[in-house]
Amino acid sequence: MSSQDKVVENLTKTIEMMANELTLLREQVAYLTQKLYGKSSEKSIQVNGQLSLFDEEQLPEEDADLPR
């Protein structure tokens, strides 16, 4: 095997390694982009006795406290 063949073989291996690494990095970027900007499921737990800032419902005892 000539030295040029060895150089070509080494360069081919390097290109294959870099292509694999590029594929992995693209997958990581896609995953992290999805985590950052994608849909998220935020679930809130309802705690007895604690009022919510976002629910428009009023408790029955609150209706009696309102001025008429």
PDB file of N, CA and C in Angstrom:
ATOM      1  N   MET A   1       0.842  -1.172   0.000  1.00  0.00           N
ATOM      2  CA  MET A   1       0.000   0.000   0.000  1.00  0.00           C
ATOM      3  C   MET A   1       0.888   1.235   0.000  1.00  0.00           C
ATOM      4  N   SER A   2       0.607   2.152  -0.902  1.00  0.00           N
ATOM      5  CA  SER A   2       1.443   3.345  -0.999  1.00  0.00           C
ATOM      6  C   SER A   2       1.047   4.348   0.075  1.00  0.00           C
ATOM      7  N   SER A   3       1.879   5.325   0.255  1.00  0.00           N
ATOM      8  CA  SER A   3       1.601   6.337   1.284  1.00  0.00           C
ATOM      9  C   SER A   3       0.374   7.165   0.914  1.00  0.00           C
ATOM     10  N   GLN A   4       0.142   7.349  -0.376  1.00  0.00           N
ATOM     11  CA  GLN A   4      -1.053   8.080  -0.802  1.00  0.00           C
ATOM     12  C   GLN A   4      -2.317   7.295  -0.460  1.00  0.00           C
ATOM     13  N   ASP A   5      -2.266   5.983  -0.618  1.00  0.00           N
ATOM     14  CA  ASP A   5      -3.413   5.149  -0.269  1.00  0.00           C
ATOM     15  C   ASP A   5      -3.701   5.223   1.227  1.00  0.00           C
ATOM     16  N   LYS A   6      -2.645   5.242   2.027  1.00  0.00           N
ATOM     17  CA  LYS A   6      -2.815   5.352   3.471  1.00  0.00           C
ATOM     18  C   LYS A   6      -3.430   6.697   3.846  1.00  0.00           C
ATOM     19  N   VAL A   7      -2.979   7.728   3.201  1.00  0.00           N
ATOM     20  CA  VAL A   7      -3.516   9.067   3.463  1.00  0.00           C
ATOM     21  C   VAL A   7      -4.994   9.113   3.088  1.00  0.00           C
ATOM     22  N   VAL A   8      -5.329   8.568   1.943  1.00  0.00           N
ATOM     23  CA  VAL A   8      -6.717   8.538   1.486  1.00  0.00           C
ATOM     24  C   VAL A   8      -7.570   7.731   2.460  1.00  0.00           C
ATOM     25  N   GLU A   9      -7.055   6.587   2.908  1.00  0.00           N
ATOM     26  CA  GLU A   9      -7.789   5.749   3.857  1.00  0.00           C
ATOM     27  C   GLU A   9      -7.999   6.480   5.186  1.00  0.00           C
ATOM     28  N   ASN A  10      -6.967   7.152   5.676  1.00  0.00           N
ATOM     29  CA  ASN A  10      -7.089   7.909   6.926  1.00  0.00           C
ATOM     30  C   ASN A  10      -8.083   9.059   6.787  1.00  0.00           C
ATOM     31  N   LEU A  11      -8.032   9.745   5.660  1.00  0.00           N
ATOM     32  CA  LEU A  11      -8.964  10.841   5.433  1.00  0.00           C
ATOM     33  C   LEU A  11     -10.402  10.334   5.318  1.00  0.00           C
ATOM     34  N   THR A  12     -10.580   9.190   4.685  1.00  0.00           N
ATOM     35  CA  THR A  12     -11.914   8.600   4.559  1.00  0.00           C
ATOM     36  C   THR A  12     -12.468   8.243   5.930  1.00  0.00           C
ATOM     37  N   LYS A  13     -11.648   7.660   6.789  1.00  0.00           N
ATOM     38  CA  LYS A  13     -12.075   7.325   8.151  1.00  0.00           C
ATOM     39  C   LYS A  13     -12.419   8.603   8.930  1.00  0.00           C
ATOM     40  N   THR A  14     -11.601   9.620   8.765  1.00  0.00           N
ATOM     41  CA  THR A  14     -11.853  10.882   9.456  1.00  0.00           C
ATOM     42  C   THR A  14     -13.167  11.500   8.999  1.00  0.00           C
ATOM     43  N   ILE A  15     -13.418  11.458   7.706  1.00  0.00           N
ATOM     44  CA  ILE A  15     -14.673  12.006   7.162  1.00  0.00           C
ATOM     45  C   ILE A  15     -15.865  11.226   7.696  1.00  0.00           C
ATOM     46  N   GLU A  16     -15.755   9.902   7.777  1.00  0.00           N
ATOM     47  CA  GLU A  16     -16.850   9.083   8.315  1.00  0.00           C
ATOM     48  C   GLU A  16     -17.106   9.411   9.788  1.00  0.00           C
ATOM     49  N   MET A  17     -16.045   9.562  10.566  1.00  0.00           N
ATOM     50  CA  MET A  17     -16.193   9.913  11.986  1.00  0.00           C
ATOM     51  C   MET A  17     -16.852  11.280  12.136  1.00  0.00           C
ATOM     52  N   MET A  18     -16.422  12.227  11.331  1.00  0.00           N
ATOM     53  CA  MET A  18     -16.983  13.577  11.414  1.00  0.00           C
ATOM     54  C   MET A  18     -18.438  13.592  10.964  1.00  0.00           C
ATOM     55  N   ALA A  19     -18.789  12.791   9.971  1.00  0.00           N
ATOM     56  CA  ALA A  19     -20.176  12.708   9.517  1.00  0.00           C
ATOM     57  C   ALA A  19     -21.054  12.118  10.613  1.00  0.00           C
ATOM     58  N   ASN A  20     -20.558  11.096  11.310  1.00  0.00           N
ATOM     59  CA  ASN A  20     -21.305  10.515  12.428  1.00  0.00           C
ATOM     60  C   ASN A  20     -21.485  11.527  13.553  1.00  0.00           C
ATOM     61  N   GLU A  21     -20.432  12.254  13.853  1.00  0.00           N
ATOM     62  CA  GLU A  21     -20.505  13.267  14.909  1.00  0.00           C
ATOM     63  C   GLU A  21     -21.470  14.383  14.517  1.00  0.00           C
ATOM     64  N   LEU A  22     -21.451  14.777  13.262  1.00  0.00           N
ATOM     65  CA  LEU A  22     -22.367  15.799  12.776  1.00  0.00           C
ATOM     66  C   LEU A  22     -23.821  15.347  12.918  1.00  0.00           C
ATOM     67  N   THR A  23     -24.086  14.088  12.582  1.00  0.00           N
ATOM     68  CA  THR A  23     -25.431  13.535  12.726  1.00  0.00           C
ATOM     69  C   THR A  23     -25.865  13.564  14.186  1.00  0.00           C
ATOM     70  N   LEU A  24     -24.982  13.154  15.085  1.00  0.00           N
ATOM     71  CA  LEU A  24     -25.285  13.165  16.510  1.00  0.00           C
ATOM     72  C   LEU A  24     -25.557  14.584  17.005  1.00  0.00           C
ATOM     73  N   LEU A  25     -24.742  15.523  16.590  1.00  0.00           N
ATOM     74  CA  LEU A  25     -24.921  16.912  17.023  1.00  0.00           C
ATOM     75  C   LEU A  25     -26.227  17.500  16.491  1.00  0.00           C
ATOM     76  N   ARG A  26     -26.594  17.155  15.275  1.00  0.00           N
ATOM     77  CA  ARG A  26     -27.867  17.630  14.726  1.00  0.00           C
ATOM     78  C   ARG A  26     -29.045  17.061  15.511  1.00  0.00           C
ATOM     79  N   GLU A  27     -28.944  15.777  15.899  1.00  0.00           N
ATOM     80  CA  GLU A  27     -29.998  15.176  16.711  1.00  0.00           C
ATOM     81  C   GLU A  27     -30.101  15.871  18.068  1.00  0.00           C
ATOM     82  N   GLN A  28     -28.964  16.203  18.655  1.00  0.00           N
ATOM     83  CA  GLN A  28     -28.962  16.892  19.939  1.00  0.00           C
ATOM     84  C   GLN A  28     -29.580  18.285  19.819  1.00  0.00           C
ATOM     85  N   VAL A  29     -29.247  18.996  18.762  1.00  0.00           N
ATOM     86  CA  VAL A  29     -29.816  20.329  18.548  1.00  0.00           C
ATOM     87  C   VAL A  29     -31.326  20.237  18.365  1.00  0.00           C
ATOM     88  N   ALA A  30     -31.784  19.253  17.601  1.00  0.00           N
ATOM     89  CA  ALA A  30     -33.226  19.086  17.392  1.00  0.00           C
ATOM     90  C   ALA A  30     -33.923  18.767  18.707  1.00  0.00           C
ATOM     91  N   TYR A  31     -33.341  17.891  19.509  1.00  0.00           N
ATOM     92  CA  TYR A  31     -33.929  17.522  20.802  1.00  0.00           C
ATOM     93  C   TYR A  31     -33.989  18.726  21.734  1.00  0.00           C
ATOM     94  N   LEU A  32     -32.883  19.441  21.845  1.00  0.00           N
ATOM     95  CA  LEU A  32     -32.843  20.586  22.761  1.00  0.00           C
ATOM     96  C   LEU A  32     -33.733  21.728  22.282  1.00  0.00           C
ATOM     97  N   THR A  33     -33.841  21.926  20.978  1.00  0.00           N
ATOM     98  CA  THR A  33     -34.742  22.942  20.439  1.00  0.00           C
ATOM     99  C   THR A  33     -36.177  22.583  20.771  1.00  0.00           C
ATOM    100  N   GLN A  34     -36.519  21.306  20.636  1.00  0.00           N
ATOM    101  CA  GLN A  34     -37.864  20.849  20.977  1.00  0.00           C
ATOM    102  C   GLN A  34     -38.140  21.054  22.469  1.00  0.00           C
ATOM    103  N   LYS A  35     -37.154  20.746  23.314  1.00  0.00           N
ATOM    104  CA  LYS A  35     -37.334  20.927  24.758  1.00  0.00           C
ATOM    105  C   LYS A  35     -37.515  22.402  25.105  1.00  0.00           C
ATOM    106  N   LEU A  36     -36.799  23.265  24.415  1.00  0.00           N
ATOM    107  CA  LEU A  36     -36.837  24.687  24.736  1.00  0.00           C
ATOM    108  C   LEU A  36     -38.077  25.369  24.175  1.00  0.00           C
ATOM    109  N   TYR A  37     -38.432  25.097  22.927  1.00  0.00           N
ATOM    110  CA  TYR A  37     -39.508  25.813  22.260  1.00  0.00           C
ATOM    111  C   TYR A  37     -40.759  24.973  22.001  1.00  0.00           C
ATOM    112  N   GLY A  38     -40.686  23.683  22.241  1.00  0.00           N
ATOM    113  CA  GLY A  38     -41.811  22.801  21.947  1.00  0.00           C
ATOM    114  C   GLY A  38     -42.912  22.891  22.992  1.00  0.00           C
ATOM    115  N   LYS A  39     -43.961  22.143  22.752  1.00  0.00           N
ATOM    116  CA  LYS A  39     -45.073  22.108  23.689  1.00  0.00           C
ATOM    117  C   LYS A  39     -44.621  21.496  24.999  1.00  0.00           C
ATOM    118  N   SER A  40     -45.184  22.030  26.050  1.00  0.00           N
ATOM    119  CA  SER A  40     -44.907  21.452  27.359  1.00  0.00           C
ATOM    120  C   SER A  40     -46.229  21.198  28.052  1.00  0.00           C
ATOM    121  N   SER A  41     -46.254  20.216  28.885  1.00  0.00           N
ATOM    122  CA  SER A  41     -47.488  19.950  29.604  1.00  0.00           C
ATOM    123  C   SER A  41     -47.275  20.362  31.048  1.00  0.00           C
ATOM    124  N   GLU A  42     -47.832  21.471  31.379  1.00  0.00           N
ATOM    125  CA  GLU A  42     -47.748  21.958  32.746  1.00  0.00           C
ATOM    126  C   GLU A  42     -49.049  21.616  33.431  1.00  0.00           C
ATOM    127  N   LYS A  43     -48.954  20.877  34.477  1.00  0.00           N
ATOM    128  CA  LYS A  43     -50.142  20.469  35.203  1.00  0.00           C
ATOM    129  C   LYS A  43     -50.085  21.079  36.592  1.00  0.00           C
ATOM    130  N   SER A  44     -51.198  21.635  36.997  1.00  0.00           N
ATOM    131  CA  SER A  44     -51.255  22.194  38.338  1.00  0.00           C
ATOM    132  C   SER A  44     -52.067  21.281  39.229  1.00  0.00           C
ATOM    133  N   ILE A  45     -51.677  21.246  40.455  1.00  0.00           N
ATOM    134  CA  ILE A  45     -52.375  20.432  41.436  1.00  0.00           C
ATOM    135  C   ILE A  45     -53.268  21.355  42.247  1.00  0.00           C
ATOM    136  N   GLN A  46     -54.532  20.990  42.345  1.00  0.00           N
ATOM    137  CA  GLN A  46     -55.490  21.788  43.099  1.00  0.00           C
ATOM    138  C   GLN A  46     -55.327  21.479  44.579  1.00  0.00           C
ATOM    139  N   VAL A  47     -55.064  22.504  45.381  1.00  0.00           N
ATOM    140  CA  VAL A  47     -54.896  22.344  46.820  1.00  0.00           C
ATOM    141  C   VAL A  47     -56.166  22.839  47.488  1.00  0.00           C
ATOM    142  N   ASN A  48     -56.733  22.026  48.360  1.00  0.00           N
ATOM    143  CA  ASN A  48     -57.953  22.414  49.067  1.00  0.00           C
ATOM    144  C   ASN A  48     -57.709  23.665  49.890  1.00  0.00           C
ATOM    145  N   GLY A  49     -58.613  24.635  49.755  1.00  0.00           N
ATOM    146  CA  GLY A  49     -58.519  25.859  50.539  1.00  0.00           C
ATOM    147  C   GLY A  49     -57.657  26.944  49.918  1.00  0.00           C
ATOM    148  N   GLN A  50     -56.929  26.630  48.858  1.00  0.00           N
ATOM    149  CA  GLN A  50     -56.084  27.641  48.230  1.00  0.00           C
ATOM    150  C   GLN A  50     -56.790  28.174  46.989  1.00  0.00           C
ATOM    151  N   LEU A  51     -56.852  29.492  46.885  1.00  0.00           N
ATOM    152  CA  LEU A  51     -57.506  30.120  45.752  1.00  0.00           C
ATOM    153  C   LEU A  51     -56.567  30.134  44.553  1.00  0.00           C
ATOM    154  N   SER A  52     -57.141  30.166  43.368  1.00  0.00           N
ATOM    155  CA  SER A  52     -56.360  30.200  42.143  1.00  0.00           C
ATOM    156  C   SER A  52     -56.437  31.595  41.546  1.00  0.00           C
ATOM    157  N   LEU A  53     -55.373  32.033  40.967  1.00  0.00           N
ATOM    158  CA  LEU A  53     -55.357  33.337  40.304  1.00  0.00           C
ATOM    159  C   LEU A  53     -56.080  33.302  38.965  1.00  0.00           C
ATOM    160  N   PHE A  54     -56.223  32.130  38.371  1.00  0.00           N
ATOM    161  CA  PHE A  54     -56.696  32.039  37.010  1.00  0.00           C
ATOM    162  C   PHE A  54     -58.106  31.492  36.871  1.00  0.00           C
ATOM    163  N   ASP A  55     -58.630  30.835  37.888  1.00  0.00           N
ATOM    164  CA  ASP A  55     -59.991  30.318  37.812  1.00  0.00           C
ATOM    165  C   ASP A  55     -60.970  31.455  38.070  1.00  0.00           C
ATOM    166  N   GLU A  56     -62.006  31.518  37.277  1.00  0.00           N
ATOM    167  CA  GLU A  56     -63.011  32.569  37.421  1.00  0.00           C
ATOM    168  C   GLU A  56     -64.138  32.153  38.356  1.00  0.00           C
ATOM    169  N   GLU A  57     -64.121  30.910  38.760  1.00  0.00           N
ATOM    170  CA  GLU A  57     -65.174  30.425  39.632  1.00  0.00           C
ATOM    171  C   GLU A  57     -65.028  31.042  41.023  1.00  0.00           C
ATOM    172  N   GLN A  58     -66.177  31.316  41.636  1.00  0.00           N
ATOM    173  CA  GLN A  58     -66.165  31.828  43.004  1.00  0.00           C
ATOM    174  C   GLN A  58     -66.751  30.766  43.916  1.00  0.00           C
ATOM    175  N   LEU A  59     -66.212  30.695  45.087  1.00  0.00           N
ATOM    176  CA  LEU A  59     -66.740  29.768  46.070  1.00  0.00           C
ATOM    177  C   LEU A  59     -68.043  30.332  46.625  1.00  0.00           C
ATOM    178  N   PRO A  60     -68.992  29.478  47.035  1.00  0.00           N
ATOM    179  CA  PRO A  60     -70.284  29.959  47.540  1.00  0.00           C
ATOM    180  C   PRO A  60     -70.143  30.933  48.706  1.00  0.00           C
ATOM    181  N   GLU A  61     -69.191  30.703  49.597  1.00  0.00           N
ATOM    182  CA  GLU A  61     -69.048  31.617  50.733  1.00  0.00           C
ATOM    183  C   GLU A  61     -68.540  32.988  50.306  1.00  0.00           C
ATOM    184  N   GLU A  62     -67.885  33.095  49.155  1.00  0.00           N
ATOM    185  CA  GLU A  62     -67.418  34.384  48.666  1.00  0.00           C
ATOM    186  C   GLU A  62     -68.590  35.230  48.149  1.00  0.00           C
ATOM    187  N   ASP A  63     -69.614  34.611  47.608  1.00  0.00           N
ATOM    188  CA  ASP A  63     -70.763  35.345  47.091  1.00  0.00           C
ATOM    189  C   ASP A  63     -71.453  36.140  48.206  1.00  0.00           C
ATOM    190  N   ALA A  64     -71.498  35.581  49.388  1.00  0.00           N
ATOM    191  CA  ALA A  64     -72.157  36.259  50.512  1.00  0.00           C
ATOM    192  C   ALA A  64     -71.348  37.470  50.975  1.00  0.00           C
ATOM    193  N   ASP A  65     -70.040  37.473  50.731  1.00  0.00           N
ATOM    194  CA  ASP A  65     -69.191  38.560  51.179  1.00  0.00           C
ATOM    195  C   ASP A  65     -69.231  39.781  50.233  1.00  0.00           C
ATOM    196  N   LEU A  66     -69.744  39.606  49.038  1.00  0.00           N
ATOM    197  CA  LEU A  66     -69.755  40.691  48.059  1.00  0.00           C
ATOM    198  C   LEU A  66     -70.843  41.719  48.401  1.00  0.00           C
ATOM    199  N   PRO A  67     -70.540  42.999  48.247  1.00  0.00           N
ATOM    200  CA  PRO A  67     -71.564  44.019  48.477  1.00  0.00           C
ATOM    201  C   PRO A  67     -72.650  43.932  47.402  1.00  0.00           C
ATOM    202  N   ARG A  68     -73.873  44.272  47.798  1.00  0.00           N
ATOM    203  CA  ARG A  68     -74.996  44.217  46.837  1.00  0.00           C
ATOM    204  C   ARG A  68     -75.519  45.601  46.581  1.00  0.00           C
TER     205      ARG A  68
END
